[in-house]
N, C-alpha and C. Protein backbone atom coordinates (compact mmCIF):
# COMPACT_ATOMS: atom_id res chain seq x y z
N MET A 1 -55.54 258.45 24.24
CA MET A 1 -55.77 257.43 25.25
C MET A 1 -57.13 257.60 25.92
N VAL A 2 -57.49 258.86 26.18
CA VAL A 2 -58.77 259.13 26.82
C VAL A 2 -59.90 258.74 25.88
N ARG A 3 -59.73 259.02 24.61
CA ARG A 3 -60.78 258.68 23.63
C ARG A 3 -60.96 257.17 23.54
N ARG A 4 -59.87 256.44 23.61
CA ARG A 4 -59.95 254.99 23.53
C ARG A 4 -60.70 254.42 24.75
N ASN A 5 -60.43 254.93 25.93
CA ASN A 5 -61.13 254.49 27.13
C ASN A 5 -62.62 254.80 27.02
N TRP A 6 -62.96 255.95 26.46
CA TRP A 6 -64.36 256.33 26.29
C TRP A 6 -65.06 255.35 25.35
N LEU A 7 -64.39 254.99 24.26
CA LEU A 7 -64.98 254.04 23.30
C LEU A 7 -65.18 252.66 23.93
N VAL A 8 -64.21 252.21 24.73
CA VAL A 8 -64.33 250.90 25.38
C VAL A 8 -65.50 250.93 26.37
N THR A 9 -65.60 252.00 27.14
CA THR A 9 -66.68 252.13 28.11
C THR A 9 -68.03 252.19 27.41
N PHE A 10 -68.12 252.98 26.35
CA PHE A 10 -69.36 253.08 25.59
C PHE A 10 -69.73 251.74 24.97
N GLY A 11 -68.77 251.04 24.41
CA GLY A 11 -69.02 249.74 23.80
C GLY A 11 -69.51 248.72 24.81
N ALA A 12 -68.88 248.70 25.99
CA ALA A 12 -69.30 247.77 27.04
C ALA A 12 -70.71 248.08 27.51
N ALA A 13 -71.02 249.37 27.68
CA ALA A 13 -72.36 249.76 28.11
C ALA A 13 -73.39 249.37 27.06
N LEU A 14 -73.07 249.55 25.79
CA LEU A 14 -73.97 249.20 24.70
C LEU A 14 -74.24 247.69 24.68
N VAL A 15 -73.21 246.89 24.88
CA VAL A 15 -73.37 245.43 24.91
C VAL A 15 -74.24 245.01 26.09
N LEU A 16 -74.02 245.59 27.25
CA LEU A 16 -74.82 245.26 28.43
C LEU A 16 -76.27 245.66 28.26
N MET A 17 -76.53 246.84 27.69
CA MET A 17 -77.92 247.27 27.48
C MET A 17 -78.62 246.38 26.47
N THR A 18 -77.91 245.99 25.42
CA THR A 18 -78.49 245.11 24.41
C THR A 18 -78.84 243.75 25.03
N ALA A 19 -77.94 243.21 25.84
CA ALA A 19 -78.19 241.93 26.50
C ALA A 19 -79.39 242.03 27.45
N ALA A 20 -79.50 243.14 28.15
CA ALA A 20 -80.63 243.33 29.07
C ALA A 20 -81.95 243.41 28.31
N LEU A 21 -81.94 244.09 27.17
CA LEU A 21 -83.16 244.20 26.37
C LEU A 21 -83.58 242.87 25.78
N ILE A 22 -82.61 242.10 25.33
CA ILE A 22 -82.92 240.80 24.74
C ILE A 22 -83.49 239.87 25.80
N GLN A 23 -82.95 239.89 26.99
CA GLN A 23 -83.44 239.03 28.07
C GLN A 23 -84.83 239.44 28.54
N GLY A 24 -85.18 240.71 28.38
CA GLY A 24 -86.47 241.20 28.84
C GLY A 24 -87.60 240.97 27.86
N CYS A 25 -87.31 240.51 26.66
CA CYS A 25 -88.36 240.31 25.65
C CYS A 25 -89.05 238.97 25.87
N GLY A 26 -90.31 238.92 25.49
CA GLY A 26 -91.06 237.67 25.56
C GLY A 26 -92.02 237.66 26.72
N LEU A 27 -92.98 236.78 26.64
CA LEU A 27 -94.01 236.66 27.65
C LEU A 27 -93.65 235.51 28.58
N LYS A 28 -93.54 235.80 29.84
CA LYS A 28 -93.23 234.77 30.82
C LYS A 28 -94.54 234.27 31.41
N ALA A 29 -95.01 233.13 30.96
CA ALA A 29 -96.28 232.58 31.44
C ALA A 29 -96.25 231.06 31.25
N ASP A 30 -97.21 230.40 31.88
CA ASP A 30 -97.34 228.97 31.71
C ASP A 30 -97.75 228.67 30.27
N PRO A 31 -97.29 227.55 29.70
CA PRO A 31 -97.69 227.21 28.34
C PRO A 31 -99.18 226.93 28.27
N ALA A 32 -99.81 227.39 27.20
CA ALA A 32 -101.24 227.19 26.99
C ALA A 32 -101.46 225.92 26.17
N PRO A 33 -102.54 225.18 26.44
CA PRO A 33 -102.83 223.99 25.64
C PRO A 33 -103.19 224.38 24.21
N ARG A 34 -102.93 223.47 23.30
CA ARG A 34 -103.26 223.73 21.89
C ARG A 34 -104.75 223.79 21.71
N ARG A 35 -105.17 224.67 20.83
CA ARG A 35 -106.60 224.77 20.52
C ARG A 35 -106.91 223.83 19.37
N ILE A 36 -107.82 222.93 19.60
CA ILE A 36 -108.21 221.98 18.56
C ILE A 36 -109.49 222.48 17.92
N GLN A 37 -109.41 222.72 16.62
CA GLN A 37 -110.56 223.22 15.88
C GLN A 37 -111.14 222.07 15.08
N SER A 38 -112.36 221.70 15.39
CA SER A 38 -112.98 220.61 14.65
C SER A 38 -113.66 221.17 13.40
N LEU A 39 -113.43 220.52 12.30
CA LEU A 39 -113.97 220.96 11.02
C LEU A 39 -115.16 220.09 10.62
N SER A 40 -116.11 220.70 9.98
CA SER A 40 -117.26 219.95 9.46
C SER A 40 -116.85 219.27 8.16
N PRO A 41 -117.37 218.08 7.90
CA PRO A 41 -117.00 217.39 6.67
C PRO A 41 -117.59 218.09 5.44
N ALA A 42 -116.87 218.00 4.33
CA ALA A 42 -117.35 218.57 3.07
C ALA A 42 -118.55 217.78 2.57
N THR A 43 -119.46 218.45 1.91
CA THR A 43 -120.66 217.81 1.37
C THR A 43 -120.78 218.15 -0.11
N GLU A 44 -121.69 217.50 -0.78
CA GLU A 44 -121.97 217.74 -2.20
C GLU A 44 -120.69 217.73 -3.04
N ILE A 45 -119.99 216.62 -2.98
CA ILE A 45 -118.74 216.50 -3.75
C ILE A 45 -119.08 216.20 -5.20
N ARG A 46 -118.46 216.94 -6.13
CA ARG A 46 -118.70 216.76 -7.58
C ARG A 46 -117.36 216.49 -8.26
N LEU A 47 -117.36 215.51 -9.15
CA LEU A 47 -116.19 215.20 -9.97
C LEU A 47 -116.57 215.41 -11.42
N GLN A 48 -115.67 216.01 -12.19
CA GLN A 48 -115.93 216.24 -13.61
C GLN A 48 -114.64 216.00 -14.37
N GLN A 49 -114.70 215.13 -15.35
CA GLN A 49 -113.53 214.85 -16.16
C GLN A 49 -113.53 215.79 -17.35
N ALA A 50 -112.41 216.45 -17.58
CA ALA A 50 -112.28 217.37 -18.71
C ALA A 50 -110.90 217.19 -19.32
N GLY A 51 -110.87 216.67 -20.54
CA GLY A 51 -109.60 216.43 -21.20
C GLY A 51 -108.80 215.38 -20.44
N GLY A 52 -107.58 215.74 -20.08
CA GLY A 52 -106.72 214.80 -19.35
C GLY A 52 -106.73 215.03 -17.85
N GLY A 53 -107.66 215.85 -17.36
CA GLY A 53 -107.68 216.15 -15.93
C GLY A 53 -109.03 215.90 -15.30
N ILE A 54 -109.06 216.05 -14.02
CA ILE A 54 -110.30 215.90 -13.25
C ILE A 54 -110.49 217.14 -12.40
N PHE A 55 -111.68 217.71 -12.43
CA PHE A 55 -112.03 218.86 -11.59
C PHE A 55 -112.87 218.34 -10.43
N ILE A 56 -112.51 218.74 -9.24
CA ILE A 56 -113.23 218.34 -8.04
C ILE A 56 -113.80 219.59 -7.39
N GLN A 57 -115.09 219.55 -7.07
CA GLN A 57 -115.75 220.66 -6.37
C GLN A 57 -116.46 220.08 -5.15
N TRP A 58 -116.47 220.82 -4.08
CA TRP A 58 -117.21 220.40 -2.90
C TRP A 58 -117.77 221.61 -2.20
N ARG A 59 -118.74 221.35 -1.34
CA ARG A 59 -119.41 222.42 -0.61
C ARG A 59 -118.92 222.40 0.82
N ILE A 60 -118.46 223.55 1.28
CA ILE A 60 -118.10 223.70 2.68
C ILE A 60 -119.37 224.11 3.40
N PRO A 61 -119.72 223.47 4.49
CA PRO A 61 -120.95 223.82 5.21
C PRO A 61 -121.01 225.32 5.51
N GLY A 62 -122.14 225.94 5.12
CA GLY A 62 -122.32 227.37 5.32
C GLY A 62 -121.94 228.19 4.10
N GLN A 63 -121.40 227.58 3.05
CA GLN A 63 -121.05 228.29 1.82
C GLN A 63 -121.68 227.57 0.64
N SER A 64 -121.80 228.27 -0.48
CA SER A 64 -122.42 227.66 -1.65
C SER A 64 -121.38 227.34 -2.70
N LEU A 65 -121.74 226.46 -3.63
CA LEU A 65 -120.85 226.09 -4.73
C LEU A 65 -120.73 227.24 -5.73
N PRO A 66 -119.57 227.41 -6.35
CA PRO A 66 -119.47 228.43 -7.41
C PRO A 66 -120.29 228.00 -8.63
N VAL A 67 -120.80 228.97 -9.34
CA VAL A 67 -121.64 228.70 -10.52
C VAL A 67 -120.78 228.60 -11.75
């Protein structure tokens, strides 16, 4: 009987500690606005037909085309 009471007490304490830990997780702060990232348009667009497909290549500003 004593062992059973110990297990019930231990189980209840474990459940309460788990609930306290779960409630304590996370950042409590005001929501931040979304960051809008503007992209530069692609340049030097190339199309090449090969067999039954089409290959498209373009240049991202600041990078070069593959050779």
